[in-house]
Amino acid sequence: MSESFSMRGAVDLGALARRSASPAPGAAGPVGAAATRGSGSGVVRDVTTATFESDVIELSMTVPVIIDLWATWCEPCKSLSPILEQLAVADGGRWLLAKIDVDAEQQIAAAFKVQSIPSVFAVIKGQPLPLFQGALPAPQVRRFIDEVLRVATEQGLVGTVPGAVAPNESQDVEVEVEPPLDPRLVVAFDAIEAGDWDAASQAYRELLAASPADQLAKAGLAQVELLRRTDGRDSAVDVTAADADPDDVAAGLLAADAELINGDAVAAFNRLIALVRLTAGPERNLLRLRLLELFEIMGESPEVARARTALASALF
């Protein structure tokens, strides 16, 4: 993990915090302001817009907060969330796991510019730091958590989540040991972290050559190509240019990338499907293929299901 971890691009959560309501009547500060999980350990909470300020921003002044952005329909989330919960319990209150349902809490998802889920962030002293996307195995997740704890300690956060129960006071905690991660996935993850799109793309292509049906590799490759296309571009300029000329396929492709990278998958899909209706031949096929790439990134979400139906209608 890079030494610049603690300085990576933060999301401005000020506006989100201002929307946050006061804790519910009877709630005693951060504790009790949200539902808790983790077998009664007090270190896993379901966080909403109303409780975000107390359970994330305020608490992050004392301990690091790890945010798990998930949804009920997200299959990878079902693999990652238990790992995060087990690790939170195992660490006995050194950090809080804040679970946020992106469908129910769309303001929070928009603030974090969620591209795909699961997405994981850390918040240290009110500053959000992007960690990773996708379902990683427990050893990889452990590495990220350890780095968050290292950075938090450097910044003086050595407290404990209020009300947290030490593991030996609640239950024995066993984090599943998964098979070793494919070395090509490790290469891809590290390359993405370093912004080396060529190396990441090559690693995913090698995985797909060996296992053409590997959904993780397909989604990873599509995401790398999206990151490559948007690297250094001004998303607002791209969207404005496409809006000024809705028939321009090249501009529409750039704008759809910008919209997806900024968390508005519906706008990206609608833009490209509208262009599919206006085009024929190679241009239409290019748009179709790009949509399929974006679908891979988003997984089988309700937005993707609706867009697939709309694409089929536009094509036929």
C-alpha atoms as a PDB file:
ATOM      1  CA  MET A   1       0.000   0.000   0.000  1.00  0.00           C
ATOM      2  CA  SER A   2       1.391   3.380  -0.917  1.00  0.00           C
ATOM      3  CA  GLU A   3       2.967   5.796   1.550  1.00  0.00           C
ATOM      4  CA  SER A   4       0.621   8.517   0.245  1.00  0.00           C
ATOM      5  CA  PHE A   5      -2.393   6.618   1.612  1.00  0.00           C
ATOM      6  CA  SER A   6      -3.208   9.262   4.229  1.00  0.00           C
ATOM      7  CA  MET A   7      -3.322  12.040   1.631  1.00  0.00           C
ATOM      8  CA  ARG A   8      -5.461  10.378  -1.022  1.00  0.00           C
ATOM      9  CA  GLY A   9      -8.376  12.370  -2.492  1.00  0.00           C
ATOM     10  CA  ALA A  10     -10.925  13.126   0.156  1.00  0.00           C
ATOM     11  CA  VAL A  11     -14.635  13.579  -0.424  1.00  0.00           C
ATOM     12  CA  ASP A  12     -16.162  16.763   0.986  1.00  0.00           C
ATOM     13  CA  LEU A  13     -18.810  15.564   3.428  1.00  0.00           C
ATOM     14  CA  GLY A  14     -19.686  18.978   4.821  1.00  0.00           C
ATOM     15  CA  ALA A  15     -22.968  19.266   2.935  1.00  0.00           C
ATOM     16  CA  LEU A  16     -23.947  15.739   3.940  1.00  0.00           C
ATOM     17  CA  ALA A  17     -23.207  16.482   7.586  1.00  0.00           C
ATOM     18  CA  ARG A  18     -25.378  19.609   7.415  1.00  0.00           C
ATOM     19  CA  ARG A  19     -28.297  17.477   6.172  1.00  0.00           C
ATOM     20  CA  SER A  20     -27.869  15.115   9.077  1.00  0.00           C
ATOM     21  CA  ALA A  21     -30.638  15.354  11.635  1.00  0.00           C
ATOM     22  CA  SER A  22     -30.114  15.302  15.385  1.00  0.00           C
ATOM     23  CA  PRO A  23     -29.985  11.849  17.010  1.00  0.00           C
ATOM     24  CA  ALA A  24     -33.362  10.325  17.767  1.00  0.00           C
ATOM     25  CA  PRO A  25     -34.924  11.288  21.107  1.00  0.00           C
ATOM     26  CA  GLY A  26     -33.442   9.241  23.918  1.00  0.00           C
ATOM     27  CA  ALA A  27     -30.251   8.381  22.047  1.00  0.00           C
ATOM     28  CA  ALA A  28     -27.190   9.001  24.177  1.00  0.00           C
ATOM     29  CA  GLY A  29     -24.813  10.614  21.720  1.00  0.00           C
ATOM     30  CA  PRO A  30     -23.074   8.405  19.181  1.00  0.00           C
ATOM     31  CA  VAL A  31     -23.970   5.251  21.078  1.00  0.00           C
ATOM     32  CA  GLY A  32     -27.530   4.233  20.307  1.00  0.00           C
ATOM     33  CA  ALA A  33     -27.855   6.675  17.407  1.00  0.00           C
ATOM     34  CA  ALA A  34     -27.996   3.795  14.945  1.00  0.00           C
ATOM     35  CA  ALA A  35     -28.734   0.102  14.903  1.00  0.00           C
ATOM     36  CA  THR A  36     -25.762  -2.037  15.900  1.00  0.00           C
ATOM     37  CA  ARG A  37     -24.642  -5.438  14.704  1.00  0.00           C
ATOM     38  CA  GLY A  38     -21.611  -7.647  15.279  1.00  0.00           C
ATOM     39  CA  SER A  39     -23.206 -10.042  17.795  1.00  0.00           C
ATOM     40  CA  GLY A  40     -23.629  -7.336  20.425  1.00  0.00           C
ATOM     41  CA  SER A  41     -20.043  -6.139  20.181  1.00  0.00           C
ATOM     42  CA  GLY A  42     -21.079  -2.513  19.568  1.00  0.00           C
ATOM     43  CA  VAL A  43     -18.588  -2.063  16.727  1.00  0.00           C
ATOM     44  CA  VAL A  44     -20.909  -2.473  13.720  1.00  0.00           C
ATOM     45  CA  ARG A  45     -23.676   0.042  13.025  1.00  0.00           C
ATOM     46  CA  ASP A  46     -26.270   0.605  10.334  1.00  0.00           C
ATOM     47  CA  VAL A  47     -25.808   4.284   9.491  1.00  0.00           C
ATOM     48  CA  THR A  48     -28.328   6.604   7.832  1.00  0.00           C
ATOM     49  CA  THR A  49     -28.210  10.208   6.655  1.00  0.00           C
ATOM     50  CA  ALA A  50     -29.801  11.173   9.959  1.00  0.00           C
ATOM     51  CA  THR A  51     -27.074   9.506  12.031  1.00  0.00           C
ATOM     52  CA  PHE A  52     -24.126  10.080   9.703  1.00  0.00           C
ATOM     53  CA  GLU A  53     -22.731  13.104  11.519  1.00  0.00           C
ATOM     54  CA  SER A  54     -22.737  11.487  14.963  1.00  0.00           C
ATOM     55  CA  ASP A  55     -21.845   7.932  13.959  1.00  0.00           C
ATOM     56  CA  VAL A  56     -19.234   8.753  11.334  1.00  0.00           C
ATOM     57  CA  ILE A  57     -17.908  12.298  11.380  1.00  0.00           C
ATOM     58  CA  GLU A  58     -17.966  12.922  15.137  1.00  0.00           C
ATOM     59  CA  LEU A  59     -16.838   9.408  16.061  1.00  0.00           C
ATOM     60  CA  SER A  60     -13.962   9.602  13.553  1.00  0.00           C
ATOM     61  CA  MET A  61     -12.378  12.234  15.804  1.00  0.00           C
ATOM     62  CA  THR A  62     -11.788   9.437  18.329  1.00  0.00           C
ATOM     63  CA  VAL A  63     -11.432   6.225  16.308  1.00  0.00           C
ATOM     64  CA  PRO A  64     -11.221   5.462  12.593  1.00  0.00           C
ATOM     65  CA  VAL A  65     -14.522   4.614  10.934  1.00  0.00           C
ATOM     66  CA  ILE A  66     -14.664   2.129   8.063  1.00  0.00           C
ATOM     67  CA  ILE A  67     -17.640   2.622   5.747  1.00  0.00           C
ATOM     68  CA  ASP A  68     -19.133  -0.354   3.892  1.00  0.00           C
ATOM     69  CA  LEU A  69     -21.369   0.879   1.051  1.00  0.00           C
ATOM     70  CA  TRP A  70     -23.603  -2.039   0.056  1.00  0.00           C
ATOM     71  CA  ALA A  71     -27.040  -3.060  -1.218  1.00  0.00           C
ATOM     72  CA  THR A  72     -29.307  -6.043  -0.709  1.00  0.00           C
ATOM     73  CA  TRP A  73     -29.104  -7.089  -4.390  1.00  0.00           C
ATOM     74  CA  CYS A  74     -25.281  -6.957  -4.501  1.00  0.00           C
ATOM     75  CA  GLU A  75     -23.825 -10.477  -4.534  1.00  0.00           C
ATOM     76  CA  PRO A  76     -20.184  -9.419  -3.861  1.00  0.00           C
ATOM     77  CA  CYS A  77     -21.445  -7.462  -0.834  1.00  0.00           C
ATOM     78  CA  LYS A  78     -22.666 -10.731   0.667  1.00  0.00           C
ATOM     79  CA  SER A  79     -19.077 -11.985   0.633  1.00  0.00           C
ATOM     80  CA  LEU A  80     -17.369  -8.814   1.846  1.00  0.00           C
ATOM     81  CA  SER A  81     -19.719  -7.620   4.598  1.00  0.00           C
ATOM     82  CA  PRO A  82     -19.251 -10.675   6.872  1.00  0.00           C
ATOM     83  CA  ILE A  83     -15.473 -10.320   6.567  1.00  0.00           C
ATOM     84  CA  LEU A  84     -15.614  -6.663   7.602  1.00  0.00           C
ATOM     85  CA  GLU A  85     -17.957  -7.470  10.493  1.00  0.00           C
ATOM     86  CA  GLN A  86     -15.720 -10.286  11.736  1.00  0.00           C
ATOM     87  CA  LEU A  87     -12.636  -8.084  11.592  1.00  0.00           C
ATOM     88  CA  ALA A  88     -14.404  -5.257  13.413  1.00  0.00           C
ATOM     89  CA  VAL A  89     -15.390  -7.618  16.223  1.00  0.00           C
ATOM     90  CA  ALA A  90     -11.904  -9.135  16.324  1.00  0.00           C
ATOM     91  CA  ASP A  91     -10.313  -5.696  16.762  1.00  0.00           C
ATOM     92  CA  GLY A  92     -12.460  -4.999  19.826  1.00  0.00           C
ATOM     93  CA  GLY A  93     -13.427  -1.378  19.240  1.00  0.00           C
ATOM     94  CA  ARG A  94     -10.251  -0.004  17.682  1.00  0.00           C
ATOM     95  CA  TRP A  95     -12.487   1.076  14.769  1.00  0.00           C
ATOM     96  CA  LEU A  96     -16.166   1.235  13.911  1.00  0.00           C
ATOM     97  CA  LEU A  97     -17.753  -0.428  10.896  1.00  0.00           C
ATOM     98  CA  ALA A  98     -20.481   1.819   9.457  1.00  0.00           C
ATOM     99  CA  LYS A  99     -22.760  -0.102   7.086  1.00  0.00           C
ATOM    100  CA  ILE A 100     -24.657   2.064   4.593  1.00  0.00           C
ATOM    101  CA  ASP A 101     -27.342   0.735   2.234  1.00  0.00           C
ATOM    102  CA  VAL A 102     -26.827   2.805  -0.935  1.00  0.00           C
ATOM    103  CA  ASP A 103     -30.402   2.253  -2.105  1.00  0.00           C
ATOM    104  CA  ALA A 104     -31.882   3.554   1.133  1.00  0.00           C
ATOM    105  CA  GLU A 105     -29.279   6.298   1.640  1.00  0.00           C
ATOM    106  CA  GLN A 106     -28.801   7.782  -1.822  1.00  0.00           C
ATOM    107  CA  GLN A 107     -27.526  11.135  -0.495  1.00  0.00           C
ATOM    108  CA  ILE A 108     -24.607   9.369   1.144  1.00  0.00           C
ATOM    109  CA  ALA A 109     -23.896   7.310  -1.990  1.00  0.00           C
ATOM    110  CA  ALA A 110     -23.884  10.509  -4.058  1.00  0.00           C
ATOM    111  CA  ALA A 111     -21.537  12.239  -1.609  1.00  0.00           C
ATOM    112  CA  PHE A 112     -19.051   9.389  -1.971  1.00  0.00           C
ATOM    113  CA  LYS A 113     -19.505   9.299  -5.768  1.00  0.00           C
ATOM    114  CA  VAL A 114     -20.042   5.553  -5.629  1.00  0.00           C
ATOM    115  CA  GLN A 115     -19.127   3.885  -8.943  1.00  0.00           C
ATOM    116  CA  SER A 116     -19.787   0.292  -7.942  1.00  0.00           C
ATOM    117  CA  ILE A 117     -20.419  -1.687  -4.792  1.00  0.00           C
ATOM    118  CA  PRO A 118     -19.238  -2.881  -2.459  1.00  0.00           C
ATOM    119  CA  SER A 119     -17.168   0.269  -1.937  1.00  0.00           C
ATOM    120  CA  VAL A 120     -15.146   0.770   1.210  1.00  0.00           C
ATOM    121  CA  PHE A 121     -13.890   4.055   2.655  1.00  0.00           C
ATOM    122  CA  ALA A 122     -12.156   5.067   5.863  1.00  0.00           C
ATOM    123  CA  VAL A 123     -12.931   8.279   7.740  1.00  0.00           C
ATOM    124  CA  ILE A 124     -10.211   9.674   9.990  1.00  0.00           C
ATOM    125  CA  LYS A 125     -10.806  12.970  11.795  1.00  0.00           C
ATOM    126  CA  GLY A 126     -13.642  13.767   9.395  1.00  0.00           C
ATOM    127  CA  GLN A 127     -11.561  13.105   6.291  1.00  0.00           C
ATOM    128  CA  PRO A 128     -12.831  10.299   4.001  1.00  0.00           C
ATOM    129  CA  LEU A 129     -10.202   8.155   2.329  1.00  0.00           C
ATOM    130  CA  PRO A 130     -11.051   5.678  -0.477  1.00  0.00           C
ATOM    131  CA  LEU A 131      -9.851   2.154   0.273  1.00  0.00           C
ATOM    132  CA  PHE A 132     -11.113  -0.373  -2.290  1.00  0.00           C
ATOM    133  CA  GLN A 133     -14.044  -1.599  -4.356  1.00  0.00           C
ATOM    134  CA  GLY A 134     -15.212  -5.153  -4.842  1.00  0.00           C
ATOM    135  CA  ALA A 135     -15.176  -8.259  -2.664  1.00  0.00           C
ATOM    136  CA  LEU A 136     -11.614  -8.910  -1.550  1.00  0.00           C
ATOM    137  CA  PRO A 137     -10.581 -11.955   0.487  1.00  0.00           C
ATOM    138  CA  ALA A 138     -10.015 -11.597   4.239  1.00  0.00           C
ATOM    139  CA  PRO A 139      -6.187 -11.305   4.091  1.00  0.00           C
ATOM    140  CA  GLN A 140      -6.401  -8.404   1.619  1.00  0.00           C
ATOM    141  CA  VAL A 141      -9.069  -6.652   3.682  1.00  0.00           C
ATOM    142  CA  ARG A 142      -6.916  -7.151   6.779  1.00  0.00           C
ATOM    143  CA  ARG A 143      -4.051  -5.344   5.030  1.00  0.00           C
ATOM    144  CA  PHE A 144      -6.248  -2.318   4.325  1.00  0.00           C
ATOM    145  CA  ILE A 145      -7.584  -2.219   7.889  1.00  0.00           C
ATOM    146  CA  ASP A 146      -4.076  -2.465   9.342  1.00  0.00           C
ATOM    147  CA  GLU A 147      -2.972   0.461   7.179  1.00  0.00           C
ATOM    148  CA  VAL A 148      -5.963   2.522   8.330  1.00  0.00           C
ATOM    149  CA  LEU A 149      -5.073   1.766  11.962  1.00  0.00           C
ATOM    150  CA  ARG A 150      -1.444   2.744  11.321  1.00  0.00           C
ATOM    151  CA  VAL A 151      -2.443   6.091   9.819  1.00  0.00           C
ATOM    152  CA  ALA A 152      -5.002   6.695  12.572  1.00  0.00           C
ATOM    153  CA  THR A 153      -2.393   6.027  15.259  1.00  0.00           C
ATOM    154  CA  GLU A 154      -0.003   8.476  13.596  1.00  0.00           C
ATOM    155  CA  GLN A 155      -2.777  11.076  13.853  1.00  0.00           C
ATOM    156  CA  GLY A 156      -3.375  10.374  17.527  1.00  0.00           C
ATOM    157  CA  LEU A 157      -6.520   8.257  17.258  1.00  0.00           C
ATOM    158  CA  VAL A 158      -5.919   5.612  19.915  1.00  0.00           C
ATOM    159  CA  GLY A 159      -9.375   5.519  21.503  1.00  0.00           C
ATOM    160  CA  THR A 160     -12.038   2.824  21.538  1.00  0.00           C
ATOM    161  CA  VAL A 161     -15.581   2.822  20.160  1.00  0.00           C
ATOM    162  CA  PRO A 162     -17.874   3.816  23.059  1.00  0.00           C
ATOM    163  CA  GLY A 163     -19.700   0.769  24.348  1.00  0.00           C
ATOM    164  CA  ALA A 164     -17.539  -1.702  22.403  1.00  0.00           C
ATOM    165  CA  VAL A 165     -17.233  -5.157  23.914  1.00  0.00           C
ATOM    166  CA  ALA A 166     -13.853  -6.879  23.817  1.00  0.00           C
ATOM    167  CA  PRO A 167     -13.923 -10.124  21.797  1.00  0.00           C
ATOM    168  CA  ASN A 168     -13.382 -12.340  24.840  1.00  0.00           C
ATOM    169  CA  GLU A 169     -16.366 -10.687  26.529  1.00  0.00           C
ATOM    170  CA  SER A 170     -18.740 -11.401  23.656  1.00  0.00           C
ATOM    171  CA  GLN A 171     -17.715 -14.460  21.712  1.00  0.00           C
ATOM    172  CA  ASP A 172     -14.826 -16.164  20.061  1.00  0.00           C
ATOM    173  CA  VAL A 173     -14.159 -14.490  16.738  1.00  0.00           C
ATOM    174  CA  GLU A 174     -13.043 -16.565  13.812  1.00  0.00           C
ATOM    175  CA  VAL A 175     -12.305 -14.896  10.503  1.00  0.00           C
ATOM    176  CA  GLU A 176     -12.585 -17.412   7.700  1.00  0.00           C
ATOM    177  CA  VAL A 177      -9.301 -18.260   6.083  1.00  0.00           C
ATOM    178  CA  GLU A 178      -9.830 -18.187   2.338  1.00  0.00           C
ATOM    179  CA  PRO A 179      -7.673 -19.769  -0.342  1.00  0.00           C
ATOM    180  CA  PRO A 180      -4.688 -17.643  -1.363  1.00  0.00           C
ATOM    181  CA  LEU A 181      -5.582 -14.866  -3.777  1.00  0.00           C
ATOM    182  CA  ASP A 182      -4.595 -15.452  -7.403  1.00  0.00           C
ATOM    183  CA  PRO A 183      -1.272 -13.607  -7.857  1.00  0.00           C
ATOM    184  CA  ARG A 184      -2.638 -11.941 -10.997  1.00  0.00           C
ATOM    185  CA  LEU A 185      -5.409 -10.370  -8.919  1.00  0.00           C
ATOM    186  CA  VAL A 186      -2.833  -9.066  -6.460  1.00  0.00           C
ATOM    187  CA  VAL A 187      -0.918  -7.543  -9.393  1.00  0.00           C
ATOM    188  CA  ALA A 188      -4.124  -5.957 -10.700  1.00  0.00           C
ATOM    189  CA  PHE A 189      -5.115  -4.505  -7.308  1.00  0.00           C
ATOM    190  CA  ASP A 190      -1.641  -3.079  -6.704  1.00  0.00           C
ATOM    191  CA  ALA A 191      -1.475  -1.646 -10.232  1.00  0.00           C
ATOM    192  CA  ILE A 192      -4.840   0.091  -9.811  1.00  0.00           C
ATOM    193  CA  GLU A 193      -3.635   1.501  -6.506  1.00  0.00           C
ATOM    194  CA  ALA A 194      -0.580   2.883  -8.318  1.00  0.00           C
ATOM    195  CA  GLY A 195      -2.583   4.187 -11.295  1.00  0.00           C
ATOM    196  CA  ASP A 196      -0.786   1.817 -13.681  1.00  0.00           C
ATOM    197  CA  TRP A 197      -3.671   1.014 -16.011  1.00  0.00           C
ATOM    198  CA  ASP A 198      -1.539  -0.999 -18.464  1.00  0.00           C
ATOM    199  CA  ALA A 199      -0.298  -3.395 -15.771  1.00  0.00           C
ATOM    200  CA  ALA A 200      -3.765  -3.774 -14.271  1.00  0.00           C
ATOM    201  CA  SER A 201      -5.320  -4.426 -17.678  1.00  0.00           C
ATOM    202  CA  GLN A 202      -2.668  -7.007 -18.528  1.00  0.00           C
ATOM    203  CA  ALA A 203      -3.228  -8.856 -15.246  1.00  0.00           C
ATOM    204  CA  TYR A 204      -6.983  -9.046 -15.789  1.00  0.00           C
ATOM    205  CA  ARG A 205      -6.519 -10.141 -19.411  1.00  0.00           C
ATOM    206  CA  GLU A 206      -4.259 -12.972 -18.268  1.00  0.00           C
ATOM    207  CA  LEU A 207      -6.937 -14.062 -15.816  1.00  0.00           C
ATOM    208  CA  LEU A 208      -9.581 -14.007 -18.537  1.00  0.00           C
ATOM    209  CA  ALA A 209      -7.351 -15.969 -20.910  1.00  0.00           C
ATOM    210  CA  ALA A 210      -7.213 -18.713 -18.276  1.00  0.00           C
ATOM    211  CA  SER A 211     -10.839 -18.360 -17.115  1.00  0.00           C
ATOM    212  CA  PRO A 212     -12.999 -16.591 -19.721  1.00  0.00           C
ATOM    213  CA  ALA A 213     -16.086 -16.671 -17.456  1.00  0.00           C
ATOM    214  CA  ASP A 214     -14.394 -15.039 -14.453  1.00  0.00           C
ATOM    215  CA  GLN A 215     -16.874 -12.276 -13.534  1.00  0.00           C
ATOM    216  CA  LEU A 216     -14.457 -10.553 -11.153  1.00  0.00           C
ATOM    217  CA  ALA A 217     -11.855 -10.281 -13.912  1.00  0.00           C
ATOM    218  CA  LYS A 218     -14.440  -9.056 -16.430  1.00  0.00           C
ATOM    219  CA  ALA A 219     -15.667  -6.337 -14.081  1.00  0.00           C
ATOM    220  CA  GLY A 220     -12.106  -5.452 -13.094  1.00  0.00           C
ATOM    221  CA  LEU A 221     -10.979  -5.048 -16.689  1.00  0.00           C
ATOM    222  CA  ALA A 222     -13.995  -2.893 -17.534  1.00  0.00           C
ATOM    223  CA  GLN A 223     -13.328  -0.710 -14.511  1.00  0.00           C
ATOM    224  CA  VAL A 224      -9.649  -0.301 -15.413  1.00  0.00           C
ATOM    225  CA  GLU A 225     -10.562   0.797 -18.924  1.00  0.00           C
ATOM    226  CA  LEU A 226     -13.058   3.293 -17.489  1.00  0.00           C
ATOM    227  CA  LEU A 227     -10.359   4.677 -15.177  1.00  0.00           C
ATOM    228  CA  ARG A 228      -7.964   4.893 -18.121  1.00  0.00           C
ATOM    229  CA  ARG A 229     -10.465   6.802 -20.274  1.00  0.00           C
ATOM    230  CA  THR A 230     -11.358   9.273 -17.525  1.00  0.00           C
ATOM    231  CA  ASP A 231      -7.845   9.781 -16.159  1.00  0.00           C
ATOM    232  CA  GLY A 232      -7.058  13.509 -16.263  1.00  0.00           C
ATOM    233  CA  ARG A 233     -10.333  14.515 -17.897  1.00  0.00           C
ATOM    234  CA  ASP A 234     -12.720  17.187 -16.613  1.00  0.00           C
ATOM    235  CA  SER A 235     -16.043  15.381 -16.158  1.00  0.00           C
ATOM    236  CA  ALA A 236     -18.095  18.592 -16.064  1.00  0.00           C
ATOM    237  CA  VAL A 237     -16.626  19.726 -19.389  1.00  0.00           C
ATOM    238  CA  ASP A 238     -17.352  16.354 -20.996  1.00  0.00           C
ATOM    239  CA  VAL A 239     -20.981  16.326 -19.833  1.00  0.00           C
ATOM    240  CA  THR A 240     -21.541  19.924 -20.939  1.00  0.00           C
ATOM    241  CA  ALA A 241     -20.100  19.203 -24.388  1.00  0.00           C
ATOM    242  CA  ALA A 242     -22.341  16.164 -24.879  1.00  0.00           C
ATOM    243  CA  ASP A 243     -25.421  18.039 -23.701  1.00  0.00           C
ATOM    244  CA  ALA A 244     -24.684  20.754 -26.260  1.00  0.00           C
ATOM    245  CA  ASP A 245     -24.637  18.201 -29.102  1.00  0.00           C
ATOM    246  CA  PRO A 246     -26.765  15.148 -28.159  1.00  0.00           C
ATOM    247  CA  ASP A 247     -26.119  13.482 -31.542  1.00  0.00           C
ATOM    248  CA  ASP A 248     -22.327  13.424 -31.136  1.00  0.00           C
ATOM    249  CA  VAL A 249     -21.395   9.807 -30.379  1.00  0.00           C
ATOM    250  CA  ALA A 250     -17.807  10.520 -29.299  1.00  0.00           C
ATOM    251  CA  ALA A 251     -18.965  13.258 -26.919  1.00  0.00           C
ATOM    252  CA  GLY A 252     -21.725  11.022 -25.589  1.00  0.00           C
ATOM    253  CA  LEU A 253     -19.265   8.235 -24.804  1.00  0.00           C
ATOM    254  CA  LEU A 254     -17.045  10.621 -22.844  1.00  0.00           C
ATOM    255  CA  ALA A 255     -20.017  12.077 -20.985  1.00  0.00           C
ATOM    256  CA  ALA A 256     -21.348   8.624 -20.045  1.00  0.00           C
ATOM    257  CA  ASP A 257     -17.928   7.742 -18.611  1.00  0.00           C
ATOM    258  CA  ALA A 258     -17.969  10.968 -16.617  1.00  0.00           C
ATOM    259  CA  GLU A 259     -21.460  10.300 -15.287  1.00  0.00           C
ATOM    260  CA  LEU A 260     -20.641   6.755 -14.227  1.00  0.00           C
ATOM    261  CA  ILE A 261     -17.394   7.786 -12.536  1.00  0.00           C
ATOM    262  CA  ASN A 262     -19.401  10.413 -10.635  1.00  0.00           C
ATOM    263  CA  GLY A 263     -21.929   7.832  -9.441  1.00  0.00           C
ATOM    264  CA  ASP A 264     -24.833   8.543 -11.827  1.00  0.00           C
ATOM    265  CA  ALA A 265     -25.151   5.231 -13.633  1.00  0.00           C
ATOM    266  CA  VAL A 266     -28.734   5.900 -14.713  1.00  0.00           C
ATOM    267  CA  ALA A 267     -27.731   9.080 -16.564  1.00  0.00           C
ATOM    268  CA  ALA A 268     -24.839   7.271 -18.240  1.00  0.00           C
ATOM    269  CA  PHE A 269     -27.051   4.394 -19.381  1.00  0.00           C
ATOM    270  CA  ASN A 270     -29.835   6.671 -20.602  1.00  0.00           C
ATOM    271  CA  ARG A 271     -27.411   8.807 -22.585  1.00  0.00           C
ATOM    272  CA  LEU A 272     -25.906   5.856 -24.440  1.00  0.00           C
ATOM    273  CA  ILE A 273     -29.259   4.151 -25.053  1.00  0.00           C
ATOM    274  CA  ALA A 274     -30.600   7.387 -26.556  1.00  0.00           C
ATOM    275  CA  LEU A 275     -27.617   7.392 -28.924  1.00  0.00           C
ATOM    276  CA  VAL A 276     -28.221   3.740 -29.810  1.00  0.00           C
ATOM    277  CA  ARG A 277     -31.692   4.747 -31.025  1.00  0.00           C
ATOM    278  CA  LEU A 278     -30.161   7.425 -33.272  1.00  0.00           C
ATOM    279  CA  THR A 279     -27.345   5.394 -34.826  1.00  0.00           C
ATOM    280  CA  ALA A 280     -26.716   2.384 -37.023  1.00  0.00           C
ATOM    281  CA  GLY A 281     -23.826   0.194 -38.132  1.00  0.00           C
ATOM    282  CA  PRO A 282     -20.399   0.504 -36.433  1.00  0.00           C
ATOM    283  CA  GLU A 283     -21.427   3.446 -34.248  1.00  0.00           C
ATOM    284  CA  ARG A 284     -24.397   1.573 -32.839  1.00  0.00           C
ATOM    285  CA  ASN A 285     -22.233  -1.476 -32.147  1.00  0.00           C
ATOM    286  CA  LEU A 286     -19.623   0.682 -30.407  1.00  0.00           C
ATOM    287  CA  LEU A 287     -22.318   2.109 -28.147  1.00  0.00           C
ATOM    288  CA  ARG A 288     -23.717  -1.344 -27.439  1.00  0.00           C
ATOM    289  CA  LEU A 289     -20.312  -2.700 -26.464  1.00  0.00           C
ATOM    290  CA  ARG A 290     -19.620   0.290 -24.233  1.00  0.00           C
ATOM    291  CA  LEU A 291     -22.915  -0.219 -22.453  1.00  0.00           C
ATOM    292  CA  LEU A 292     -22.069  -3.865 -21.847  1.00  0.00           C
ATOM    293  CA  GLU A 293     -18.751  -2.769 -20.308  1.00  0.00           C
ATOM    294  CA  LEU A 294     -20.508  -0.341 -18.000  1.00  0.00           C
ATOM    295  CA  PHE A 295     -23.000  -3.057 -17.040  1.00  0.00           C
ATOM    296  CA  GLU A 296     -20.061  -5.278 -16.003  1.00  0.00           C
ATOM    297  CA  ILE A 297     -18.784  -2.544 -13.692  1.00  0.00           C
ATOM    298  CA  MET A 298     -22.149  -2.036 -12.007  1.00  0.00           C
ATOM    299  CA  GLY A 299     -22.979  -5.724 -11.607  1.00  0.00           C
ATOM    300  CA  GLU A 300     -26.521  -7.035 -11.542  1.00  0.00           C
ATOM    301  CA  SER A 301     -28.125  -3.970  -9.989  1.00  0.00           C
ATOM    302  CA  PRO A 302     -31.736  -2.864 -10.596  1.00  0.00           C
ATOM    303  CA  GLU A 303     -30.376  -0.005 -12.733  1.00  0.00           C
ATOM    304  CA  VAL A 304     -28.541  -2.477 -14.937  1.00  0.00           C
ATOM    305  CA  ALA A 305     -31.590  -4.722 -15.257  1.00  0.00           C
ATOM    306  CA  ARG A 306     -33.722  -1.787 -16.423  1.00  0.00           C
ATOM    307  CA  ALA A 307     -31.019  -0.552 -18.780  1.00  0.00           C
ATOM    308  CA  ARG A 308     -30.623  -4.012 -20.352  1.00  0.00           C
ATOM    309  CA  THR A 309     -34.350  -4.021 -21.141  1.00  0.00           C
ATOM    310  CA  ALA A 310     -34.159  -0.514 -22.573  1.00  0.00           C
ATOM    311  CA  LEU A 311     -31.113  -1.439 -24.673  1.00  0.00           C
ATOM    312  CA  ALA A 312     -32.873  -4.474 -26.100  1.00  0.00           C
ATOM    313  CA  SER A 313     -35.824  -2.284 -27.021  1.00  0.00           C
ATOM    314  CA  ALA A 314     -33.548   0.291 -28.665  1.00  0.00           C
ATOM    315  CA  LEU A 315     -31.731  -2.378 -30.687  1.00  0.00           C
ATOM    316  CA  PHE A 316     -34.751  -4.325 -31.861  1.00  0.00           C
END
